[in-house]
Amino acid sequence: MGKVSSWMNTLAIVSGAVTGLGAAYWCAGRPWHRRWGADADEATVFWPGDDLLPRPLVSATHAITIQAPPDRVWPWLV
């Protein structure tokens, strides 16, 4: 009976740790991850295509900063 009890204790600890990590990500990591790279203005601005789904359940805005003029970047995007 001792081995089963030890296994159950280990399972409870691991389950608690996974639940705690998931809760920490949901509360602290997810908001940051949903606007990764975007500043506050970029995350709240109305972007082209936003009118296609006026009230989305989830919204994310990711961005990067490129140290080059638009005419040098645009050919790489298209």
N, C-alpha and C. Protein backbone atom coordinates (compact mmCIF):
# COMPACT_ATOMS: atom_id res chain seq x y z
N MET A 1 0.81 -1.19 0.00
CA MET A 1 0.00 0.00 0.00
C MET A 1 0.86 1.26 0.00
N GLY A 2 2.09 1.15 0.51
CA GLY A 2 2.98 2.30 0.59
C GLY A 2 3.38 2.84 -0.76
N LYS A 3 3.60 1.94 -1.75
CA LYS A 3 3.99 2.39 -3.08
C LYS A 3 2.85 3.14 -3.77
N VAL A 4 1.63 2.68 -3.59
CA VAL A 4 0.48 3.35 -4.21
C VAL A 4 0.30 4.73 -3.60
N SER A 5 0.43 4.84 -2.28
CA SER A 5 0.29 6.12 -1.60
C SER A 5 1.37 7.10 -2.06
N SER A 6 2.60 6.62 -2.19
CA SER A 6 3.70 7.47 -2.65
C SER A 6 3.45 7.93 -4.09
N TRP A 7 2.97 7.06 -4.94
CA TRP A 7 2.67 7.39 -6.33
C TRP A 7 1.55 8.42 -6.40
N MET A 8 0.54 8.26 -5.56
CA MET A 8 -0.59 9.20 -5.53
C MET A 8 -0.12 10.58 -5.05
N ASN A 9 0.77 10.60 -4.06
CA ASN A 9 1.31 11.89 -3.58
C ASN A 9 2.09 12.58 -4.68
N THR A 10 2.91 11.83 -5.40
CA THR A 10 3.69 12.38 -6.50
C THR A 10 2.77 12.93 -7.58
N LEU A 11 1.74 12.17 -7.92
CA LEU A 11 0.77 12.61 -8.93
C LEU A 11 0.07 13.89 -8.49
N ALA A 12 -0.29 13.99 -7.23
CA ALA A 12 -0.95 15.20 -6.72
C ALA A 12 -0.02 16.40 -6.80
N ILE A 13 1.25 16.21 -6.48
CA ILE A 13 2.22 17.31 -6.54
C ILE A 13 2.43 17.76 -7.98
N VAL A 14 2.60 16.82 -8.88
CA VAL A 14 2.80 17.16 -10.30
C VAL A 14 1.56 17.84 -10.86
N SER A 15 0.38 17.33 -10.54
CA SER A 15 -0.87 17.94 -11.01
C SER A 15 -1.00 19.37 -10.49
N GLY A 16 -0.68 19.58 -9.24
CA GLY A 16 -0.72 20.92 -8.67
C GLY A 16 0.26 21.86 -9.32
N ALA A 17 1.46 21.37 -9.61
CA ALA A 17 2.47 22.20 -10.25
C ALA A 17 2.04 22.58 -11.67
N VAL A 18 1.52 21.63 -12.41
CA VAL A 18 1.06 21.91 -13.78
C VAL A 18 -0.10 22.91 -13.75
N THR A 19 -1.03 22.71 -12.84
CA THR A 19 -2.15 23.64 -12.72
C THR A 19 -1.66 25.04 -12.34
N GLY A 20 -0.72 25.11 -11.42
CA GLY A 20 -0.16 26.41 -11.02
C GLY A 20 0.55 27.11 -12.15
N LEU A 21 1.33 26.35 -12.92
CA LEU A 21 2.03 26.95 -14.07
C LEU A 21 1.04 27.43 -15.12
N GLY A 22 0.00 26.64 -15.35
CA GLY A 22 -1.03 27.05 -16.31
C GLY A 22 -1.73 28.32 -15.87
N ALA A 23 -2.06 28.41 -14.59
CA ALA A 23 -2.71 29.61 -14.06
C ALA A 23 -1.78 30.82 -14.14
N ALA A 24 -0.50 30.62 -13.85
CA ALA A 24 0.46 31.72 -13.93
C ALA A 24 0.59 32.22 -15.37
N TYR A 25 0.64 31.30 -16.33
CA TYR A 25 0.71 31.72 -17.74
C TYR A 25 -0.56 32.48 -18.12
N TRP A 26 -1.72 31.95 -17.74
CA TRP A 26 -3.00 32.57 -18.12
C TRP A 26 -3.11 33.99 -17.58
N CYS A 27 -2.64 34.18 -16.35
CA CYS A 27 -2.78 35.50 -15.70
C CYS A 27 -1.65 36.47 -16.07
N ALA A 28 -0.44 35.99 -16.17
CA ALA A 28 0.70 36.89 -16.39
C ALA A 28 1.28 36.80 -17.79
N GLY A 29 1.44 35.61 -18.31
CA GLY A 29 2.10 35.44 -19.60
C GLY A 29 1.21 35.68 -20.80
N ARG A 30 -0.02 35.24 -20.73
CA ARG A 30 -0.90 35.33 -21.89
C ARG A 30 -1.18 36.76 -22.34
N PRO A 31 -1.50 37.69 -21.43
CA PRO A 31 -1.71 39.07 -21.90
C PRO A 31 -0.49 39.64 -22.62
N TRP A 32 0.70 39.35 -22.08
CA TRP A 32 1.92 39.82 -22.74
C TRP A 32 2.09 39.11 -24.08
N HIS A 33 1.85 37.82 -24.13
CA HIS A 33 2.04 37.05 -25.35
C HIS A 33 1.07 37.48 -26.44
N ARG A 34 -0.15 37.88 -26.07
CA ARG A 34 -1.14 38.30 -27.07
C ARG A 34 -0.78 39.62 -27.74
N ARG A 35 0.11 40.41 -27.14
CA ARG A 35 0.54 41.65 -27.79
C ARG A 35 2.06 41.71 -27.91
N TRP A 36 2.67 40.56 -28.15
CA TRP A 36 4.11 40.43 -28.24
C TRP A 36 4.70 41.40 -29.26
N GLY A 37 5.63 42.22 -28.83
CA GLY A 37 6.33 43.14 -29.72
C GLY A 37 5.60 44.43 -30.02
N ALA A 38 4.32 44.50 -29.73
CA ALA A 38 3.51 45.69 -30.03
C ALA A 38 3.45 46.59 -28.80
N ASP A 39 3.54 47.91 -29.02
CA ASP A 39 3.38 48.81 -27.89
C ASP A 39 1.88 49.01 -27.62
N ALA A 40 1.54 49.76 -26.59
CA ALA A 40 0.14 49.92 -26.18
C ALA A 40 -0.71 50.53 -27.29
N ASP A 41 -0.16 51.49 -28.03
CA ASP A 41 -0.92 52.11 -29.13
C ASP A 41 -1.20 51.11 -30.25
N GLU A 42 -0.20 50.34 -30.62
CA GLU A 42 -0.38 49.35 -31.69
C GLU A 42 -1.37 48.26 -31.30
N ALA A 43 -1.40 47.91 -30.03
CA ALA A 43 -2.28 46.83 -29.57
C ALA A 43 -3.74 47.27 -29.53
N THR A 44 -4.01 48.57 -29.45
CA THR A 44 -5.39 49.03 -29.33
C THR A 44 -5.93 49.73 -30.58
N VAL A 45 -5.07 49.98 -31.57
CA VAL A 45 -5.51 50.67 -32.78
C VAL A 45 -6.42 49.76 -33.62
N PHE A 46 -7.29 50.35 -34.42
CA PHE A 46 -8.19 49.62 -35.31
C PHE A 46 -7.43 49.34 -36.61
N TRP A 47 -7.13 48.06 -36.88
CA TRP A 47 -6.35 47.68 -38.05
C TRP A 47 -7.26 47.27 -39.20
N PRO A 48 -6.77 47.37 -40.46
CA PRO A 48 -7.55 46.90 -41.60
C PRO A 48 -7.93 45.43 -41.40
N GLY A 49 -9.18 45.12 -41.62
CA GLY A 49 -9.68 43.76 -41.45
C GLY A 49 -10.38 43.56 -40.11
N ASP A 50 -10.17 44.47 -39.16
CA ASP A 50 -10.83 44.34 -37.87
C ASP A 50 -12.35 44.45 -38.00
N ASP A 51 -12.81 45.11 -39.04
CA ASP A 51 -14.26 45.25 -39.24
C ASP A 51 -14.91 43.93 -39.71
N LEU A 52 -14.12 42.98 -40.14
CA LEU A 52 -14.66 41.70 -40.60
C LEU A 52 -15.22 40.87 -39.45
N LEU A 53 -14.71 41.09 -38.26
CA LEU A 53 -15.18 40.39 -37.07
C LEU A 53 -15.23 41.43 -35.95
N PRO A 54 -16.37 42.13 -35.82
CA PRO A 54 -16.45 43.29 -34.93
C PRO A 54 -16.19 42.98 -33.45
N ARG A 55 -16.62 41.82 -32.96
CA ARG A 55 -16.43 41.49 -31.54
C ARG A 55 -15.79 40.11 -31.41
N PRO A 56 -14.48 40.02 -31.65
CA PRO A 56 -13.83 38.70 -31.57
C PRO A 56 -13.73 38.22 -30.12
N LEU A 57 -13.74 36.91 -29.95
CA LEU A 57 -13.56 36.35 -28.60
C LEU A 57 -12.13 36.53 -28.12
N VAL A 58 -11.17 36.44 -29.04
CA VAL A 58 -9.76 36.58 -28.72
C VAL A 58 -9.14 37.50 -29.75
N SER A 59 -8.26 38.36 -29.31
CA SER A 59 -7.57 39.27 -30.21
C SER A 59 -6.08 39.27 -29.87
N ALA A 60 -5.25 39.31 -30.90
CA ALA A 60 -3.81 39.34 -30.69
C ALA A 60 -3.19 40.28 -31.71
N THR A 61 -2.21 41.05 -31.28
CA THR A 61 -1.45 41.92 -32.17
C THR A 61 0.01 41.69 -31.89
N HIS A 62 0.74 41.15 -32.88
CA HIS A 62 2.17 40.92 -32.75
C HIS A 62 2.89 41.89 -33.69
N ALA A 63 4.07 42.33 -33.27
CA ALA A 63 4.79 43.31 -34.07
C ALA A 63 6.29 43.12 -33.91
N ILE A 64 7.02 43.63 -34.87
CA ILE A 64 8.48 43.71 -34.77
C ILE A 64 8.90 45.09 -35.27
N THR A 65 10.07 45.52 -34.88
CA THR A 65 10.62 46.78 -35.35
C THR A 65 11.78 46.46 -36.29
N ILE A 66 11.72 47.04 -37.46
CA ILE A 66 12.77 46.83 -38.46
C ILE A 66 13.46 48.16 -38.70
N GLN A 67 14.75 48.18 -38.56
CA GLN A 67 15.53 49.40 -38.74
C GLN A 67 15.88 49.58 -40.22
N ALA A 68 14.84 49.86 -41.02
CA ALA A 68 15.03 50.10 -42.45
C ALA A 68 13.84 50.90 -42.96
N PRO A 69 14.03 51.66 -44.02
CA PRO A 69 12.91 52.42 -44.58
C PRO A 69 11.90 51.48 -45.26
N PRO A 70 10.64 51.90 -45.33
CA PRO A 70 9.60 51.05 -45.92
C PRO A 70 9.90 50.57 -47.33
N ASP A 71 10.52 51.42 -48.17
CA ASP A 71 10.78 51.00 -49.55
C ASP A 71 11.81 49.87 -49.62
N ARG A 72 12.60 49.67 -48.58
CA ARG A 72 13.54 48.55 -48.55
C ARG A 72 12.89 47.29 -47.96
N VAL A 73 11.86 47.48 -47.13
CA VAL A 73 11.20 46.34 -46.47
C VAL A 73 10.09 45.74 -47.34
N TRP A 74 9.34 46.60 -48.01
CA TRP A 74 8.15 46.16 -48.74
C TRP A 74 8.44 45.05 -49.75
N PRO A 75 9.53 45.10 -50.53
CA PRO A 75 9.79 43.99 -51.47
C PRO A 75 9.93 42.63 -50.79
N TRP A 76 10.39 42.61 -49.55
CA TRP A 76 10.52 41.34 -48.82
C TRP A 76 9.16 40.83 -48.37
N LEU A 77 8.21 41.73 -48.18
CA LEU A 77 6.88 41.31 -47.73
C LEU A 77 6.02 40.80 -48.87
N VAL A 78 6.19 41.39 -50.03
CA VAL A 78 5.37 40.97 -51.16
C VAL A 78 6.11 39.92 -51.96
